[in-house]
Structures are given as C-alpha cells and as structure tokens.
Amino acid sequence: MTDATQPTDAPISPLALRSQVEDAINLVRPAIQADGGDVELVDVLDGVVRIRFHGACQGCPSAGMTLQMGIERVLRERVPQVSRVLAI
C-alpha cells in the first residue's frame, strides 16, 4: 500500500501549491461566510500564505483566532509545505 500524500520536502510547483492552498481555504470558507465574512488568497511564497479578510472579518476581534485556529490549522494539516499564514 502506498501513501498518496507528498513528503514535506518533496518539490512542488508554485501553481500546484497555490491550488492545494486554495482547496484547503475552500474547506473553511463556508464557516467564515456564515458569519458574514470571506477570505481571499493573496500569495503563497516560501511556505508563507498571505490572505486578506473581507466583510465582517475586517476589524473583527476574533479574526486573529479564526486565522490561527481555523485557517492556519487546516492549511498546515492539508498542505505540509505551508509554514505560516499571515493576514494582510
């Protein structure tokens, strides 16, 4: 039996990495939208994902918690190449 996931040190094209990050963001997006907000993928570079909050998420006191406990956790679990997530 083989493992279909890539090791964290396996090279991956920037386009494939961005696609994997988008897919992971789409998993948490419905919960964010349910609270009147949204999240946009801005950039993925050297394992750092940059996102932008929209709607009710802008200026929300819980946005930091959403970023760390929701978005970053899911991204790091689903995309091993992700080392950090920043809101810009």
N, C-alpha and C. Protein backbone atom coordinates (compact mmCIF):
# COMPACT_ATOMS: atom_id res chain seq x y z
N MET A 1 0.85 -1.18 0.00
CA MET A 1 0.00 0.00 0.00
C MET A 1 0.88 1.23 0.00
N THR A 2 0.59 2.18 -0.86
CA THR A 2 1.39 3.39 -0.94
C THR A 2 0.63 4.57 -0.37
N ASP A 3 1.40 5.53 0.12
CA ASP A 3 0.81 6.74 0.66
C ASP A 3 0.72 7.77 -0.45
N ALA A 4 -0.47 8.32 -0.69
CA ALA A 4 -0.68 9.25 -1.80
C ALA A 4 -0.23 10.67 -1.48
N THR A 5 0.07 10.96 -0.22
CA THR A 5 0.50 12.31 0.13
C THR A 5 1.96 12.50 -0.16
N GLN A 6 2.34 13.74 -0.44
CA GLN A 6 3.73 14.04 -0.72
C GLN A 6 4.46 14.33 0.58
N PRO A 7 5.73 13.92 0.68
CA PRO A 7 6.52 14.30 1.86
C PRO A 7 6.68 15.81 1.88
N THR A 8 6.92 16.37 3.07
CA THR A 8 7.01 17.82 3.20
C THR A 8 8.19 18.40 2.43
N ASP A 9 9.23 17.63 2.16
CA ASP A 9 10.39 18.15 1.45
C ASP A 9 10.34 17.88 -0.05
N ALA A 10 9.28 17.28 -0.53
CA ALA A 10 9.15 16.99 -1.96
C ALA A 10 8.91 18.29 -2.70
N PRO A 11 9.61 18.49 -3.82
CA PRO A 11 9.37 19.71 -4.59
C PRO A 11 7.97 19.72 -5.18
N ILE A 12 7.38 20.87 -5.20
CA ILE A 12 6.04 21.03 -5.75
C ILE A 12 6.03 22.35 -6.52
N SER A 13 5.38 22.36 -7.64
CA SER A 13 5.37 23.58 -8.45
C SER A 13 4.57 24.66 -7.72
N PRO A 14 4.92 25.93 -7.94
CA PRO A 14 4.17 27.02 -7.31
C PRO A 14 2.68 26.98 -7.65
N LEU A 15 2.36 26.60 -8.88
CA LEU A 15 0.96 26.53 -9.29
C LEU A 15 0.22 25.42 -8.53
N ALA A 16 0.85 24.26 -8.39
CA ALA A 16 0.24 23.15 -7.65
C ALA A 16 0.07 23.50 -6.18
N LEU A 17 1.07 24.17 -5.61
CA LEU A 17 0.99 24.58 -4.21
C LEU A 17 -0.16 25.55 -4.00
N ARG A 18 -0.26 26.52 -4.88
CA ARG A 18 -1.35 27.50 -4.78
C ARG A 18 -2.70 26.82 -4.88
N SER A 19 -2.81 25.85 -5.78
CA SER A 19 -4.06 25.11 -5.95
C SER A 19 -4.42 24.33 -4.68
N GLN A 20 -3.43 23.71 -4.06
CA GLN A 20 -3.67 22.97 -2.81
C GLN A 20 -4.11 23.92 -1.70
N VAL A 21 -3.49 25.09 -1.64
CA VAL A 21 -3.85 26.08 -0.62
C VAL A 21 -5.27 26.57 -0.86
N GLU A 22 -5.62 26.86 -2.10
CA GLU A 22 -6.99 27.29 -2.43
C GLU A 22 -8.01 26.23 -2.01
N ASP A 23 -7.71 24.96 -2.30
CA ASP A 23 -8.62 23.88 -1.92
C ASP A 23 -8.82 23.84 -0.42
N ALA A 24 -7.75 24.01 0.34
CA ALA A 24 -7.85 23.99 1.80
C ALA A 24 -8.63 25.19 2.31
N ILE A 25 -8.41 26.35 1.73
CA ILE A 25 -9.16 27.55 2.13
C ILE A 25 -10.65 27.35 1.85
N ASN A 26 -10.96 26.69 0.74
CA ASN A 26 -12.36 26.44 0.40
C ASN A 26 -13.06 25.54 1.42
N LEU A 27 -12.29 24.78 2.19
CA LEU A 27 -12.89 23.95 3.24
C LEU A 27 -13.41 24.80 4.40
N VAL A 28 -12.70 25.88 4.72
CA VAL A 28 -13.10 26.72 5.86
C VAL A 28 -13.95 27.92 5.44
N ARG A 29 -13.94 28.22 4.15
CA ARG A 29 -14.67 29.40 3.65
C ARG A 29 -16.16 29.40 4.04
N PRO A 30 -16.91 28.29 3.94
CA PRO A 30 -18.33 28.34 4.31
C PRO A 30 -18.58 28.80 5.75
N ALA A 31 -17.72 28.39 6.67
CA ALA A 31 -17.88 28.82 8.06
C ALA A 31 -17.63 30.31 8.20
N ILE A 32 -16.66 30.82 7.49
CA ILE A 32 -16.36 32.25 7.53
C ILE A 32 -17.49 33.04 6.89
N GLN A 33 -17.99 32.56 5.77
CA GLN A 33 -19.09 33.24 5.09
C GLN A 33 -20.37 33.21 5.91
N ALA A 34 -20.56 32.17 6.69
CA ALA A 34 -21.75 32.07 7.54
C ALA A 34 -21.79 33.18 8.59
N ASP A 35 -20.61 33.71 8.93
CA ASP A 35 -20.53 34.82 9.88
C ASP A 35 -20.43 36.18 9.19
N GLY A 36 -20.67 36.21 7.87
CA GLY A 36 -20.70 37.47 7.14
C GLY A 36 -19.36 37.93 6.60
N GLY A 37 -18.37 37.05 6.59
CA GLY A 37 -17.06 37.43 6.09
C GLY A 37 -16.63 36.58 4.92
N ASP A 38 -15.39 36.75 4.53
CA ASP A 38 -14.81 35.92 3.49
C ASP A 38 -13.29 36.05 3.60
N VAL A 39 -12.60 35.17 2.89
CA VAL A 39 -11.15 35.18 2.90
C VAL A 39 -10.66 35.04 1.46
N GLU A 40 -9.62 35.79 1.14
CA GLU A 40 -9.04 35.78 -0.21
C GLU A 40 -7.58 35.36 -0.11
N LEU A 41 -7.18 34.44 -0.97
CA LEU A 41 -5.77 34.06 -1.05
C LEU A 41 -5.05 35.13 -1.85
N VAL A 42 -4.04 35.75 -1.26
CA VAL A 42 -3.29 36.81 -1.91
C VAL A 42 -2.01 36.25 -2.54
N ASP A 43 -1.26 35.43 -1.77
CA ASP A 43 0.03 34.98 -2.25
C ASP A 43 0.48 33.75 -1.46
N VAL A 44 1.29 32.93 -2.10
CA VAL A 44 1.96 31.81 -1.43
C VAL A 44 3.42 31.90 -1.87
N LEU A 45 4.32 32.10 -0.92
CA LEU A 45 5.73 32.25 -1.25
C LEU A 45 6.58 31.67 -0.12
N ASP A 46 7.44 30.73 -0.46
CA ASP A 46 8.35 30.12 0.50
C ASP A 46 7.64 29.57 1.74
N GLY A 47 6.50 28.94 1.53
CA GLY A 47 5.76 28.33 2.62
C GLY A 47 4.89 29.28 3.41
N VAL A 48 4.93 30.56 3.08
CA VAL A 48 4.13 31.56 3.79
C VAL A 48 2.93 31.92 2.92
N VAL A 49 1.75 31.75 3.50
CA VAL A 49 0.50 32.05 2.81
C VAL A 49 0.01 33.41 3.30
N ARG A 50 -0.31 34.28 2.38
CA ARG A 50 -0.85 35.59 2.72
C ARG A 50 -2.30 35.63 2.28
N ILE A 51 -3.16 36.01 3.22
CA ILE A 51 -4.59 36.08 2.95
C ILE A 51 -5.11 37.47 3.28
N ARG A 52 -6.29 37.76 2.79
CA ARG A 52 -6.96 39.02 3.11
C ARG A 52 -8.37 38.69 3.54
N PHE A 53 -8.77 39.24 4.68
CA PHE A 53 -10.15 39.08 5.15
C PHE A 53 -11.04 40.13 4.51
N HIS A 54 -12.29 39.75 4.28
CA HIS A 54 -13.29 40.66 3.71
C HIS A 54 -14.55 40.62 4.57
N GLY A 55 -15.42 41.60 4.35
CA GLY A 55 -16.71 41.63 5.01
C GLY A 55 -16.60 41.79 6.51
N ALA A 56 -17.38 41.03 7.22
CA ALA A 56 -17.44 41.15 8.67
C ALA A 56 -16.12 40.78 9.35
N CYS A 57 -15.24 40.10 8.64
CA CYS A 57 -13.95 39.70 9.22
C CYS A 57 -13.00 40.87 9.39
N GLN A 58 -13.17 41.90 8.56
CA GLN A 58 -12.30 43.06 8.66
C GLN A 58 -12.56 43.78 9.98
N GLY A 59 -11.54 43.88 10.78
CA GLY A 59 -11.66 44.57 12.06
C GLY A 59 -12.33 43.76 13.16
N CYS A 60 -12.71 42.54 12.87
CA CYS A 60 -13.35 41.70 13.88
C CYS A 60 -12.32 41.27 14.93
N PRO A 61 -12.66 41.38 16.21
CA PRO A 61 -11.72 40.98 17.25
C PRO A 61 -11.39 39.48 17.21
N SER A 62 -12.23 38.68 16.62
CA SER A 62 -11.99 37.24 16.54
C SER A 62 -11.23 36.82 15.29
N ALA A 63 -10.90 37.76 14.42
CA ALA A 63 -10.22 37.41 13.17
C ALA A 63 -8.89 36.72 13.42
N GLY A 64 -8.15 37.14 14.43
CA GLY A 64 -6.87 36.50 14.76
C GLY A 64 -7.05 35.05 15.16
N MET A 65 -8.08 34.78 15.93
CA MET A 65 -8.37 33.42 16.35
C MET A 65 -8.82 32.58 15.15
N THR A 66 -9.63 33.17 14.28
CA THR A 66 -10.05 32.48 13.06
C THR A 66 -8.85 32.13 12.22
N LEU A 67 -7.91 33.06 12.12
CA LEU A 67 -6.71 32.85 11.32
C LEU A 67 -5.90 31.69 11.89
N GLN A 68 -5.60 31.72 13.19
CA GLN A 68 -4.73 30.71 13.77
C GLN A 68 -5.41 29.37 14.00
N MET A 69 -6.56 29.37 14.60
CA MET A 69 -7.21 28.11 14.98
C MET A 69 -8.03 27.49 13.85
N GLY A 70 -8.37 28.27 12.86
CA GLY A 70 -9.14 27.73 11.75
C GLY A 70 -8.32 27.60 10.49
N ILE A 71 -8.02 28.73 9.89
CA ILE A 71 -7.37 28.72 8.58
C ILE A 71 -5.97 28.12 8.65
N GLU A 72 -5.12 28.62 9.53
CA GLU A 72 -3.75 28.12 9.59
C GLU A 72 -3.70 26.64 9.95
N ARG A 73 -4.51 26.22 10.89
CA ARG A 73 -4.52 24.81 11.29
C ARG A 73 -4.89 23.91 10.12
N VAL A 74 -5.93 24.27 9.40
CA VAL A 74 -6.36 23.46 8.25
C VAL A 74 -5.30 23.47 7.15
N LEU A 75 -4.75 24.63 6.86
CA LEU A 75 -3.73 24.71 5.82
C LEU A 75 -2.51 23.87 6.15
N ARG A 76 -2.04 23.94 7.38
CA ARG A 76 -0.85 23.18 7.76
C ARG A 76 -1.11 21.68 7.77
N GLU A 77 -2.34 21.29 8.10
CA GLU A 77 -2.69 19.87 8.07
C GLU A 77 -2.79 19.36 6.63
N ARG A 78 -3.40 20.14 5.76
CA ARG A 78 -3.67 19.71 4.39
C ARG A 78 -2.51 19.94 3.41
N VAL A 79 -1.71 20.95 3.70
CA VAL A 79 -0.61 21.32 2.79
C VAL A 79 0.67 21.43 3.63
N PRO A 80 1.42 20.35 3.72
CA PRO A 80 2.60 20.32 4.59
C PRO A 80 3.66 21.38 4.27
N GLN A 81 3.66 21.90 3.06
CA GLN A 81 4.63 22.93 2.68
C GLN A 81 4.34 24.28 3.32
N VAL A 82 3.15 24.46 3.87
CA VAL A 82 2.79 25.72 4.50
C VAL A 82 3.41 25.78 5.89
N SER A 83 4.17 26.84 6.14
CA SER A 83 4.81 27.02 7.44
C SER A 83 4.13 28.12 8.26
N ARG A 84 3.46 29.03 7.57
CA ARG A 84 2.89 30.18 8.27
C ARG A 84 1.78 30.79 7.43
N VAL A 85 0.80 31.40 8.10
CA VAL A 85 -0.28 32.10 7.41
C VAL A 85 -0.38 33.51 8.00
N LEU A 86 -0.35 34.50 7.13
CA LEU A 86 -0.42 35.89 7.57
C LEU A 86 -1.62 36.58 6.95
N ALA A 87 -2.31 37.39 7.74
CA ALA A 87 -3.39 38.23 7.22
C ALA A 87 -2.77 39.58 6.88
N ILE A 88 -3.06 40.07 5.67
CA ILE A 88 -2.51 41.37 5.29
C ILE A 88 -3.62 42.39 5.12
